Amino acid sequence: MVRDFDLTETAIRLWLARSGASHKPRDLEHDERAELAELRRENRRLREGIEILKRATAFFARGTR
């Protein structure tokens, strides 16, 4: 996006400094941390499910030849 407006990294840093904004991530609230942990667990389960489906597809594809 910076390139779309032909801005330099230095210009962005100066704007951030002048605005008082920080480029450091903020600490997450307790409920946000809990939600993030739950989303990561769900993501892991979904990836495992996809892997199982890929293996099952390969297994059945071999049986139809």
N, C-alpha and C. Protein backbone atom coordinates (compact mmCIF):
# COMPACT_ATOMS: atom_id res chain seq x y z
N MET A 1 0.82 -1.19 0.00
CA MET A 1 0.00 0.00 0.00
C MET A 1 0.87 1.26 0.00
N VAL A 2 1.98 1.21 0.73
CA VAL A 2 2.88 2.35 0.77
C VAL A 2 3.36 2.68 -0.63
N ARG A 3 3.67 1.66 -1.40
CA ARG A 3 4.16 1.88 -2.76
C ARG A 3 3.08 2.49 -3.66
N ASP A 4 1.83 2.16 -3.38
CA ASP A 4 0.73 2.72 -4.17
C ASP A 4 0.71 4.25 -4.09
N PHE A 5 1.13 4.78 -2.95
CA PHE A 5 1.12 6.23 -2.74
C PHE A 5 2.51 6.85 -2.86
N ASP A 6 3.49 6.02 -3.25
CA ASP A 6 4.86 6.47 -3.43
C ASP A 6 5.41 7.12 -2.14
N LEU A 7 5.19 6.45 -1.01
CA LEU A 7 5.68 6.92 0.27
C LEU A 7 6.91 6.12 0.68
N THR A 8 7.76 6.76 1.43
CA THR A 8 8.95 6.07 1.93
C THR A 8 8.69 5.56 3.33
N GLU A 9 9.49 4.61 3.74
CA GLU A 9 9.38 4.09 5.11
C GLU A 9 9.63 5.20 6.12
N THR A 10 10.57 6.08 5.80
CA THR A 10 10.89 7.19 6.70
C THR A 10 9.68 8.11 6.88
N ALA A 11 8.97 8.40 5.82
CA ALA A 11 7.79 9.26 5.91
C ALA A 11 6.74 8.63 6.83
N ILE A 12 6.53 7.34 6.68
CA ILE A 12 5.54 6.65 7.53
C ILE A 12 5.98 6.69 8.99
N ARG A 13 7.26 6.43 9.24
CA ARG A 13 7.78 6.48 10.62
C ARG A 13 7.60 7.87 11.23
N LEU A 14 7.87 8.91 10.45
CA LEU A 14 7.69 10.27 10.95
C LEU A 14 6.23 10.56 11.29
N TRP A 15 5.33 10.13 10.42
CA TRP A 15 3.91 10.33 10.68
C TRP A 15 3.49 9.62 11.95
N LEU A 16 3.96 8.39 12.12
CA LEU A 16 3.63 7.65 13.33
C LEU A 16 4.17 8.34 14.57
N ALA A 17 5.39 8.80 14.49
CA ALA A 17 6.01 9.48 15.64
C ALA A 17 5.25 10.75 15.99
N ARG A 18 4.88 11.52 14.99
CA ARG A 18 4.16 12.77 15.23
C ARG A 18 2.75 12.54 15.77
N SER A 19 2.14 11.45 15.36
CA SER A 19 0.77 11.19 15.81
C SER A 19 0.74 10.56 17.19
N GLY A 20 1.88 10.09 17.66
CA GLY A 20 1.93 9.41 18.95
C GLY A 20 1.57 7.94 18.84
N ALA A 21 1.30 7.49 17.64
CA ALA A 21 0.96 6.08 17.43
C ALA A 21 2.22 5.24 17.58
N SER A 22 2.01 4.03 17.96
CA SER A 22 3.12 3.11 18.13
C SER A 22 3.01 2.00 17.10
N HIS A 23 4.14 1.56 16.59
CA HIS A 23 4.13 0.44 15.67
C HIS A 23 4.26 -0.88 16.41
N LYS A 24 4.34 -0.80 17.72
CA LYS A 24 4.42 -2.01 18.54
C LYS A 24 3.00 -2.55 18.75
N PRO A 25 2.85 -3.88 18.70
CA PRO A 25 1.51 -4.44 18.95
C PRO A 25 1.09 -4.20 20.40
N ARG A 26 -0.18 -3.96 20.58
CA ARG A 26 -0.68 -3.74 21.94
C ARG A 26 -0.88 -5.07 22.63
N ASP A 27 -0.90 -5.03 23.96
CA ASP A 27 -1.18 -6.24 24.72
C ASP A 27 -2.64 -6.61 24.54
N LEU A 28 -2.89 -7.90 24.41
CA LEU A 28 -4.26 -8.36 24.23
C LEU A 28 -4.97 -8.45 25.58
N GLU A 29 -6.25 -8.17 25.55
CA GLU A 29 -7.08 -8.34 26.74
C GLU A 29 -7.27 -9.83 26.99
N HIS A 30 -7.71 -10.17 28.19
CA HIS A 30 -7.90 -11.58 28.57
C HIS A 30 -8.86 -12.28 27.61
N ASP A 31 -10.00 -11.64 27.31
CA ASP A 31 -10.98 -12.28 26.42
C ASP A 31 -10.45 -12.41 25.00
N GLU A 32 -9.61 -11.46 24.57
CA GLU A 32 -9.01 -11.56 23.24
C GLU A 32 -8.00 -12.71 23.18
N ARG A 33 -7.24 -12.88 24.26
CA ARG A 33 -6.28 -14.00 24.32
C ARG A 33 -7.03 -15.33 24.29
N ALA A 34 -8.14 -15.41 25.03
CA ALA A 34 -8.93 -16.64 25.06
C ALA A 34 -9.52 -16.93 23.68
N GLU A 35 -10.02 -15.90 23.02
CA GLU A 35 -10.59 -16.07 21.68
C GLU A 35 -9.50 -16.51 20.69
N LEU A 36 -8.33 -15.90 20.78
CA LEU A 36 -7.23 -16.26 19.90
C LEU A 36 -6.82 -17.72 20.11
N ALA A 37 -6.75 -18.15 21.37
CA ALA A 37 -6.40 -19.54 21.66
C ALA A 37 -7.45 -20.49 21.09
N GLU A 38 -8.72 -20.14 21.23
CA GLU A 38 -9.80 -20.97 20.69
C GLU A 38 -9.73 -21.04 19.16
N LEU A 39 -9.48 -19.90 18.52
CA LEU A 39 -9.37 -19.88 17.06
C LEU A 39 -8.18 -20.70 16.58
N ARG A 40 -7.09 -20.66 17.32
CA ARG A 40 -5.93 -21.48 16.95
C ARG A 40 -6.24 -22.96 17.09
N ARG A 41 -6.96 -23.33 18.16
CA ARG A 41 -7.35 -24.75 18.32
C ARG A 41 -8.26 -25.18 17.17
N GLU A 42 -9.23 -24.34 16.84
CA GLU A 42 -10.15 -24.66 15.75
C GLU A 42 -9.40 -24.78 14.43
N ASN A 43 -8.47 -23.87 14.19
CA ASN A 43 -7.67 -23.90 12.98
C ASN A 43 -6.88 -25.22 12.90
N ARG A 44 -6.30 -25.63 14.02
CA ARG A 44 -5.54 -26.89 14.06
C ARG A 44 -6.45 -28.08 13.75
N ARG A 45 -7.66 -28.10 14.35
CA ARG A 45 -8.61 -29.18 14.10
C ARG A 45 -9.02 -29.22 12.63
N LEU A 46 -9.27 -28.06 12.05
CA LEU A 46 -9.67 -28.00 10.65
C LEU A 46 -8.54 -28.48 9.73
N ARG A 47 -7.32 -28.09 10.03
CA ARG A 47 -6.18 -28.55 9.23
C ARG A 47 -6.01 -30.06 9.34
N GLU A 48 -6.22 -30.60 10.54
CA GLU A 48 -6.13 -32.05 10.71
C GLU A 48 -7.24 -32.75 9.91
N GLY A 49 -8.43 -32.18 9.92
CA GLY A 49 -9.54 -32.74 9.15
C GLY A 49 -9.26 -32.74 7.66
N ILE A 50 -8.68 -31.65 7.18
CA ILE A 50 -8.31 -31.57 5.77
C ILE A 50 -7.28 -32.63 5.43
N GLU A 51 -6.31 -32.83 6.30
CA GLU A 51 -5.28 -33.84 6.06
C GLU A 51 -5.88 -35.25 6.01
N ILE A 52 -6.83 -35.52 6.90
CA ILE A 52 -7.51 -36.82 6.89
C ILE A 52 -8.28 -37.01 5.58
N LEU A 53 -8.98 -35.98 5.14
CA LEU A 53 -9.73 -36.07 3.89
C LEU A 53 -8.80 -36.28 2.69
N LYS A 54 -7.65 -35.62 2.69
CA LYS A 54 -6.69 -35.82 1.61
C LYS A 54 -6.21 -37.26 1.57
N ARG A 55 -5.91 -37.82 2.74
CA ARG A 55 -5.44 -39.20 2.80
C ARG A 55 -6.54 -40.18 2.37
N ALA A 56 -7.77 -39.91 2.80
CA ALA A 56 -8.88 -40.78 2.42
C ALA A 56 -9.12 -40.72 0.91
N THR A 57 -9.03 -39.53 0.35
CA THR A 57 -9.20 -39.37 -1.09
C THR A 57 -8.14 -40.16 -1.84
N ALA A 58 -6.90 -40.06 -1.39
CA ALA A 58 -5.81 -40.80 -2.04
C ALA A 58 -6.02 -42.30 -1.90
N PHE A 59 -6.47 -42.75 -0.74
CA PHE A 59 -6.72 -44.18 -0.50
C PHE A 59 -7.78 -44.71 -1.44
N PHE A 60 -8.91 -44.00 -1.53
CA PHE A 60 -10.00 -44.46 -2.37
C PHE A 60 -9.68 -44.33 -3.85
N ALA A 61 -8.88 -43.32 -4.20
CA ALA A 61 -8.49 -43.16 -5.61
C ALA A 61 -7.62 -44.35 -6.06
N ARG A 62 -6.80 -44.85 -5.16
CA ARG A 62 -5.97 -46.01 -5.51
C ARG A 62 -6.84 -47.25 -5.69
N GLY A 63 -7.93 -47.37 -4.98
CA GLY A 63 -8.79 -48.54 -5.06
C GLY A 63 -9.65 -48.59 -6.30
N THR A 64 -9.81 -47.49 -6.99
CA THR A 64 -10.68 -47.46 -8.17
C THR A 64 -9.94 -47.77 -9.46
N ARG A 65 -8.66 -47.98 -9.39
CA ARG A 65 -7.89 -48.25 -10.61
C ARG A 65 -7.94 -49.68 -10.99
